[in-house]
Protein backbone atom coordinates (compact mmCIF):
# COMPACT_ATOMS: atom_id res chain seq x y z
CA MET A 1 10.49 18.73 8.73
CA LYS A 2 6.85 17.79 8.03
CA ILE A 3 5.39 14.69 9.66
CA SER A 4 2.39 12.94 8.09
CA VAL A 5 0.45 10.77 10.58
CA LEU A 6 -1.72 8.04 8.90
CA MET A 7 -4.92 6.87 10.58
CA SER A 8 -7.77 4.63 9.43
CA VAL A 9 -11.13 4.90 11.13
CA PHE A 10 -13.96 2.34 10.99
CA SER A 11 -16.35 2.06 13.86
CA GLU A 12 -14.57 3.26 17.02
CA PRO A 13 -16.76 4.87 19.68
CA LYS A 14 -16.84 8.74 19.62
CA GLU A 15 -14.96 9.24 22.90
CA TRP A 16 -12.17 7.00 21.73
CA LEU A 17 -11.86 8.80 18.36
CA VAL A 18 -11.79 12.09 20.11
CA GLU A 19 -9.00 11.06 22.39
CA SER A 20 -6.93 9.65 19.56
CA ILE A 21 -7.29 12.70 17.19
CA GLU A 22 -6.62 15.19 19.98
CA SER A 23 -3.55 13.30 21.13
CA ILE A 24 -2.04 13.90 17.65
CA LEU A 25 -3.23 17.45 17.03
CA ASN A 26 -1.97 18.49 20.51
CA GLN A 27 1.51 17.17 19.92
CA THR A 28 4.33 19.56 21.07
CA TYR A 29 5.78 19.19 17.56
CA LYS A 30 3.48 21.24 15.39
CA ASN A 31 4.61 20.64 11.84
CA ILE A 32 2.32 17.72 11.20
CA GLU A 33 -0.60 16.66 9.15
CA LEU A 34 -3.04 14.03 10.30
CA VAL A 35 -4.43 12.09 7.29
CA VAL A 36 -7.52 10.25 8.15
CA VAL A 37 -9.20 7.69 5.94
CA LEU A 38 -12.83 6.75 7.01
CA ASP A 39 -13.11 3.04 5.89
CA ASN A 40 -16.78 2.87 6.84
CA PRO A 41 -18.72 5.29 4.63
CA ALA A 42 -21.92 4.56 6.57
CA ASN A 43 -20.41 5.94 9.81
CA GLU A 44 -21.97 9.43 9.74
CA MET A 45 -21.00 10.07 13.43
CA ALA A 46 -17.25 9.61 12.68
CA LYS A 47 -17.49 11.57 9.41
CA GLU A 48 -19.13 14.60 11.07
CA LEU A 49 -16.84 14.44 14.09
CA ILE A 50 -13.66 14.37 11.85
CA LEU A 51 -15.02 17.06 9.60
CA ASP A 52 -15.60 19.31 12.70
CA TYR A 53 -11.88 18.78 13.66
CA ALA A 54 -10.80 19.52 10.04
CA ARG A 55 -12.70 22.82 10.11
CA MET A 56 -10.96 23.83 13.32
CA ASP A 57 -7.54 22.57 12.31
CA SER A 58 -6.42 22.68 8.74
CA ARG A 59 -3.63 20.08 9.44
CA LEU A 60 -6.35 17.36 9.51
CA VAL A 61 -7.15 15.88 6.04
CA LEU A 62 -10.11 13.57 5.68
CA SER A 63 -10.89 11.02 2.90
CA VAL A 64 -13.86 8.75 2.88
CA ASN A 65 -13.75 5.34 1.09
CA GLU A 66 -16.67 4.63 -1.23
CA LYS A 67 -16.69 1.13 0.35
CA ASN A 68 -14.90 -0.80 3.05
CA LEU A 69 -11.31 -1.50 1.67
CA GLY A 70 -9.57 -2.76 4.77
CA LEU A 71 -6.65 -1.44 6.69
CA SER A 72 -3.89 -2.13 4.16
CA LYS A 73 -5.53 -0.32 1.27
CA SER A 74 -6.85 2.52 3.46
CA LEU A 75 -3.31 3.29 4.80
CA ASN A 76 -1.70 2.97 1.36
CA TYR A 77 -4.25 5.56 0.04
CA ALA A 78 -3.55 7.86 3.10
CA PHE A 79 0.13 7.71 2.08
CA SER A 80 -0.63 8.61 -1.42
CA VAL A 81 -2.33 11.87 -0.50
CA SER A 82 0.14 12.80 2.34
CA SER A 83 2.91 15.25 1.88
CA GLY A 84 5.32 14.71 4.79
CA ASP A 85 8.92 13.96 4.69
CA ILE A 86 8.39 11.52 7.53
CA ILE A 87 5.52 9.06 7.85
CA ALA A 88 3.98 8.04 11.21
CA ARG A 89 1.08 5.79 12.23
CA MET A 90 -1.73 6.12 14.65
CA ASP A 91 -4.76 4.00 15.35
CA ALA A 92 -8.11 5.54 16.03
CA ASP A 93 -8.60 3.87 19.47
CA ASP A 94 -5.18 4.60 21.02
CA VAL A 95 -3.65 7.74 22.78
CA SER A 96 -0.23 9.17 21.95
CA VAL A 97 1.93 10.91 24.48
CA ASP A 98 2.03 14.59 23.66
CA SER A 99 5.92 14.50 23.15
CA ARG A 100 5.80 11.31 20.99
CA ILE A 101 6.34 12.96 17.52
CA ALA A 102 9.10 15.31 18.78
CA GLU A 103 11.10 12.60 20.59
CA GLN A 104 10.71 9.99 17.87
CA LEU A 105 11.85 12.53 15.21
CA ASP A 106 14.82 13.56 17.34
CA PHE A 107 15.80 9.79 17.70
CA ILE A 108 15.63 9.27 13.96
CA VAL A 109 17.84 12.19 13.30
CA LYS A 110 20.40 11.66 15.97
CA ASN A 111 20.81 7.87 15.31
CA LYS A 112 20.39 8.11 11.51
CA CYS A 113 17.58 5.57 11.49
CA ASP A 114 15.17 4.80 8.69
CA PHE A 115 12.30 3.12 10.51
CA ILE A 116 11.47 3.14 14.29
CA ALA A 117 8.82 2.24 16.78
CA SER A 118 8.32 2.98 20.56
CA ASN A 119 7.18 1.00 23.51
CA ILE A 120 3.52 1.00 24.44
CA GLU A 121 1.59 0.64 27.71
CA PHE A 122 -1.65 -1.39 27.64
CA PHE A 123 -4.88 -0.10 29.10
CA GLY A 124 -8.55 -1.02 29.06
CA GLY A 125 -8.15 -4.62 30.08
CA GLY A 126 -4.42 -5.21 30.66
CA GLN A 127 -1.33 -3.61 32.01
CA GLY A 128 2.35 -3.40 31.41
CA CYS A 129 4.54 -2.68 28.41
CA LEU A 130 5.09 -4.73 25.25
CA PHE A 131 8.90 -5.20 25.43
CA SER A 132 11.87 -5.02 27.72
CA LYS A 133 15.11 -3.02 27.39
CA LYS A 134 16.97 -6.27 26.66
CA GLU A 135 14.68 -6.97 23.69
CA ALA A 136 14.94 -3.50 22.41
CA ASP A 137 18.81 -3.75 22.52
CA ASN A 138 18.64 -7.01 20.53
CA LEU A 139 15.93 -5.98 17.99
CA ASN A 140 17.47 -7.66 14.92
CA GLU A 141 17.40 -11.00 16.70
CA VAL A 142 14.06 -10.66 18.55
CA ILE A 143 12.21 -9.47 15.40
CA ARG A 144 12.85 -12.83 13.83
CA TYR A 145 10.47 -14.52 16.21
CA ARG A 146 8.45 -11.70 17.81
CA ASP A 147 6.97 -8.38 16.69
CA ILE A 148 8.07 -5.66 19.09
CA MET A 149 7.46 -2.70 16.76
CA PRO A 150 3.83 -1.81 17.71
CA HIS A 151 2.12 -0.71 14.49
CA PRO A 152 0.54 2.49 15.91
CA THR A 153 3.90 3.83 17.08
CA TRP A 154 5.73 3.60 13.74
CA MET A 155 7.71 6.40 12.26
CA MET A 156 9.74 6.11 9.12
CA LYS A 157 11.31 8.10 6.29
CA ARG A 158 8.99 8.53 3.39
CA SER A 159 11.47 6.80 1.14
CA VAL A 160 11.16 3.57 3.20
CA PHE A 161 7.43 3.31 2.58
CA GLN A 162 7.92 4.11 -1.16
CA CYS A 163 10.72 1.59 -1.71
CA LEU A 164 8.80 -1.20 0.01
CA GLY A 165 5.57 -0.44 -1.89
CA GLY A 166 3.53 0.18 1.11
CA TYR A 167 1.40 -2.52 2.76
CA ARG A 168 0.38 -5.78 1.17
CA ASP A 169 -3.28 -6.78 1.47
CA ILE A 170 -2.76 -9.95 3.43
CA GLY A 171 -5.24 -9.56 6.12
CA PRO A 172 -4.16 -9.44 9.91
CA ALA A 173 -0.33 -9.27 10.46
CA GLN A 174 0.30 -6.90 7.43
CA ASP A 175 2.48 -4.86 9.79
CA TYR A 176 4.73 -7.81 10.65
CA GLU A 177 5.00 -8.64 6.96
CA PHE A 178 6.01 -5.04 6.30
CA ILE A 179 8.70 -5.22 8.96
CA CYS A 180 10.07 -8.50 7.47
CA ARG A 181 10.44 -6.90 4.06
CA ALA A 182 12.13 -3.87 5.74
CA VAL A 183 14.63 -6.17 7.48
CA LYS A 184 15.29 -8.09 4.22
CA SER A 185 15.88 -4.75 2.43
CA LYS A 186 18.53 -3.81 5.09
CA VAL A 187 16.49 -0.82 6.32
CA LYS A 188 18.03 0.61 9.49
CA ILE A 189 15.35 -0.14 12.14
CA ALA A 190 15.28 0.58 15.92
CA VAL A 191 12.89 0.74 18.82
CA LEU A 192 12.77 3.23 21.68
CA ASN A 193 12.34 1.65 25.04
CA LYS A 194 10.03 4.51 26.08
CA VAL A 195 6.28 4.58 26.27
CA HIS A 196 5.00 6.83 23.53
CA LEU A 197 1.49 5.36 23.20
CA TYR A 198 -1.25 4.01 25.34
CA TYR A 199 -2.59 0.99 23.58
CA ARG A 200 -6.39 0.22 24.19
CA LEU A 201 -7.22 -3.36 24.70
CA SER A 202 -10.84 -4.08 23.70
CA SER A 203 -13.15 -6.56 22.02
CA THR A 204 -13.02 -4.48 18.82
CA ASN A 205 -9.26 -4.68 18.33
CA ILE A 206 -8.29 -6.67 15.11
CA SER A 207 -5.88 -8.60 17.34
CA THR A 208 -8.78 -9.58 19.52
CA GLN A 209 -11.51 -10.16 16.96
CA LYS A 210 -9.19 -12.00 14.48
CA ARG A 211 -6.69 -13.49 16.84
CA ILE A 212 -6.57 -17.00 15.33
CA TYR A 213 -6.43 -15.77 11.78
CA GLN A 214 -3.69 -13.28 12.76
CA LEU A 215 -1.75 -16.01 14.53
CA TYR A 216 -1.71 -18.24 11.46
CA ASN A 217 -0.48 -15.28 9.38
CA TYR A 218 2.23 -14.42 11.85
CA ILE A 219 3.53 -18.04 11.88
CA LEU A 220 3.52 -18.27 8.08
CA ILE A 221 5.26 -14.95 7.59
CA GLU A 222 7.87 -15.80 10.16
CA ARG A 223 8.48 -19.17 8.64
CA ALA A 224 8.80 -17.71 5.12
CA MET A 225 11.25 -15.01 6.39
CA ARG A 226 13.48 -17.68 8.00
CA LYS A 227 13.50 -19.64 4.69
CA GLY A 228 14.17 -16.46 2.71
CA VAL A 229 10.88 -16.82 0.90
CA ASP A 230 8.47 -14.12 0.01
CA TYR A 231 5.18 -15.18 1.62
CA TYR A 232 3.03 -12.89 -0.43
CA SER A 233 4.47 -13.21 -4.01
CA SER A 234 6.78 -16.29 -3.74
CA GLU A 235 7.29 -18.56 -6.79
CA ASN A 236 7.19 -21.30 -4.15
CA TYR A 237 3.74 -22.81 -4.88
CA PHE A 238 3.50 -24.22 -1.32
CA TYR A 239 3.38 -20.66 0.16
CA LYS A 240 1.07 -19.47 -2.58
CA ILE A 241 -1.49 -22.28 -1.66
CA ILE A 242 -1.08 -21.55 2.10
CA PHE A 243 -1.57 -17.81 1.47
CA VAL A 244 -4.75 -18.42 -0.54
CA VAL A 245 -6.16 -21.00 2.04
CA VAL A 246 -5.39 -18.92 5.25
CA ASN A 247 -6.70 -15.64 3.79
CA GLY A 248 -9.61 -17.29 2.10
CA PHE A 249 -10.77 -19.01 5.27
CA GLY A 250 -9.74 -16.22 7.63
CA GLY A 251 -13.37 -15.43 8.50
CA PHE A 252 -14.07 -19.06 9.30
CA LEU A 253 -11.01 -19.31 11.54
CA ASP A 254 -12.43 -16.64 13.76
CA SER A 255 -16.13 -17.65 13.45
CA ALA A 256 -17.93 -18.57 16.54
CA PRO A 257 -17.92 -22.38 16.21
CA CYS A 258 -14.12 -22.30 15.41
CA LEU A 259 -13.41 -19.99 18.27
CA ARG A 260 -15.32 -22.12 20.76
CA SER A 261 -13.45 -25.31 19.53
CA SER A 262 -10.09 -23.42 19.89
CA LYS A 263 -10.69 -22.03 23.32
CA PHE A 264 -7.80 -23.81 24.90
CA ILE A 265 -5.45 -22.61 22.14
CA ILE A 266 -6.71 -19.03 22.40
CA GLY A 267 -6.10 -19.02 26.12
CA LEU A 268 -2.53 -20.15 25.68
CA TYR A 269 -1.94 -17.57 22.94
CA ARG A 270 -3.22 -14.73 25.12
CA LYS A 271 -1.51 -15.79 28.27
CA TYR A 272 1.80 -17.14 27.13
CA ASN A 273 2.37 -15.63 23.62
CA LEU A 274 1.81 -18.92 21.70
CA LEU A 275 3.70 -17.64 18.63
CA SER A 276 6.96 -17.28 20.52
CA ILE A 277 6.46 -20.75 22.03
CA LEU A 278 5.96 -22.37 18.58
CA VAL A 279 8.92 -20.57 17.18
CA PHE A 280 11.03 -21.60 20.13
CA LEU A 281 10.13 -25.23 19.71
CA ARG A 282 10.78 -25.13 16.05
CA GLN A 283 14.22 -23.51 16.41
CA ARG A 284 15.23 -26.45 18.68
CA ASN A 285 13.87 -29.07 16.30
CA ILE A 286 11.39 -30.08 19.09
CA LEU A 287 8.37 -29.26 16.88
CA ARG A 288 8.34 -29.17 13.17
CA ILE A 289 5.55 -27.36 11.18
CA PHE A 290 5.33 -27.91 7.44
C-alpha cells in the first residue's frame, strides 16, 4: 500500500529541513512518496536542497508555488498531485521516528480506522508529550474541547481527504476545523498513545507566531461545532461576520502592540492551556462567550 506524505516548506533552516526530509525517506516502510510544496519561491536554498534529495531519491516530488499561498492551499495542492492510497502529514521542522509510517499503517489496518494521529514529544524549548493515555482512550469526548491529534502526525485514508474536500483556508487552526468536520461526518478516528514524532518548539512555529489569532479561531471553531454550526460556510450570519473579522484582523491580533498588551493572556495560554480553561468555564455556565 502506497503512502503519500504531504509537506509544506517555507523558510525553515537548512539543518531542520534536512532532519525532517531524512526522517521520512529513511522510514522502515519504503513504499512512500514525499510530496513537498515550497510555498516560498524566493527560498533558493530550500529549492536546491530539496532538488538534491529528489535527484537521489525518486520518491520525493517537489512543486514550487508561484507565490505564497499559505499552508491550507499548499497542502491541498500536494494532495492533488499525490498518488498514495493513504495520506500522511509531516512538517518541515519536525522529526519522525523511523518506524512511524509502518506502525501507523499497521494500526489503521488492524483497527479499521479512517483517520489517526500519534503522540508527540516536544523539544527545542519544552519537554513532555501532548496527551495522556486517559485522553487517548476518551478521544471522542476530549476532541470537543481540546485538539489531541497533532497535525504533523496525521495519517488517513485517501477517501477521507477527498470526502471532506481537504483543508479550508481559515488561517491558523485549519487542522482542528478539519478534525471537527471529520467527527461530524462520522469518520472513525483514533490516536496512538505512542510517540511517533519529535515536535520542535521555536519562535517560527505558526502556533508561536500567531498564537492569539490561532486561539480565537480555536474557540470559534469549537463553539460552532458544539452548536452544530459550520463555522466556515454557515448560513448563520453571526458566524460569517465573526469569521471575516477574525481572519481579516488576524495579522493585527499578533502584531507587536497587540501582543505586548496581551502579555498576561499569552502567558496563561502557554502555561495553562487557556482554550481548555475557557471551554471548561463555558460548559459549566460560569462564563458565557457570545
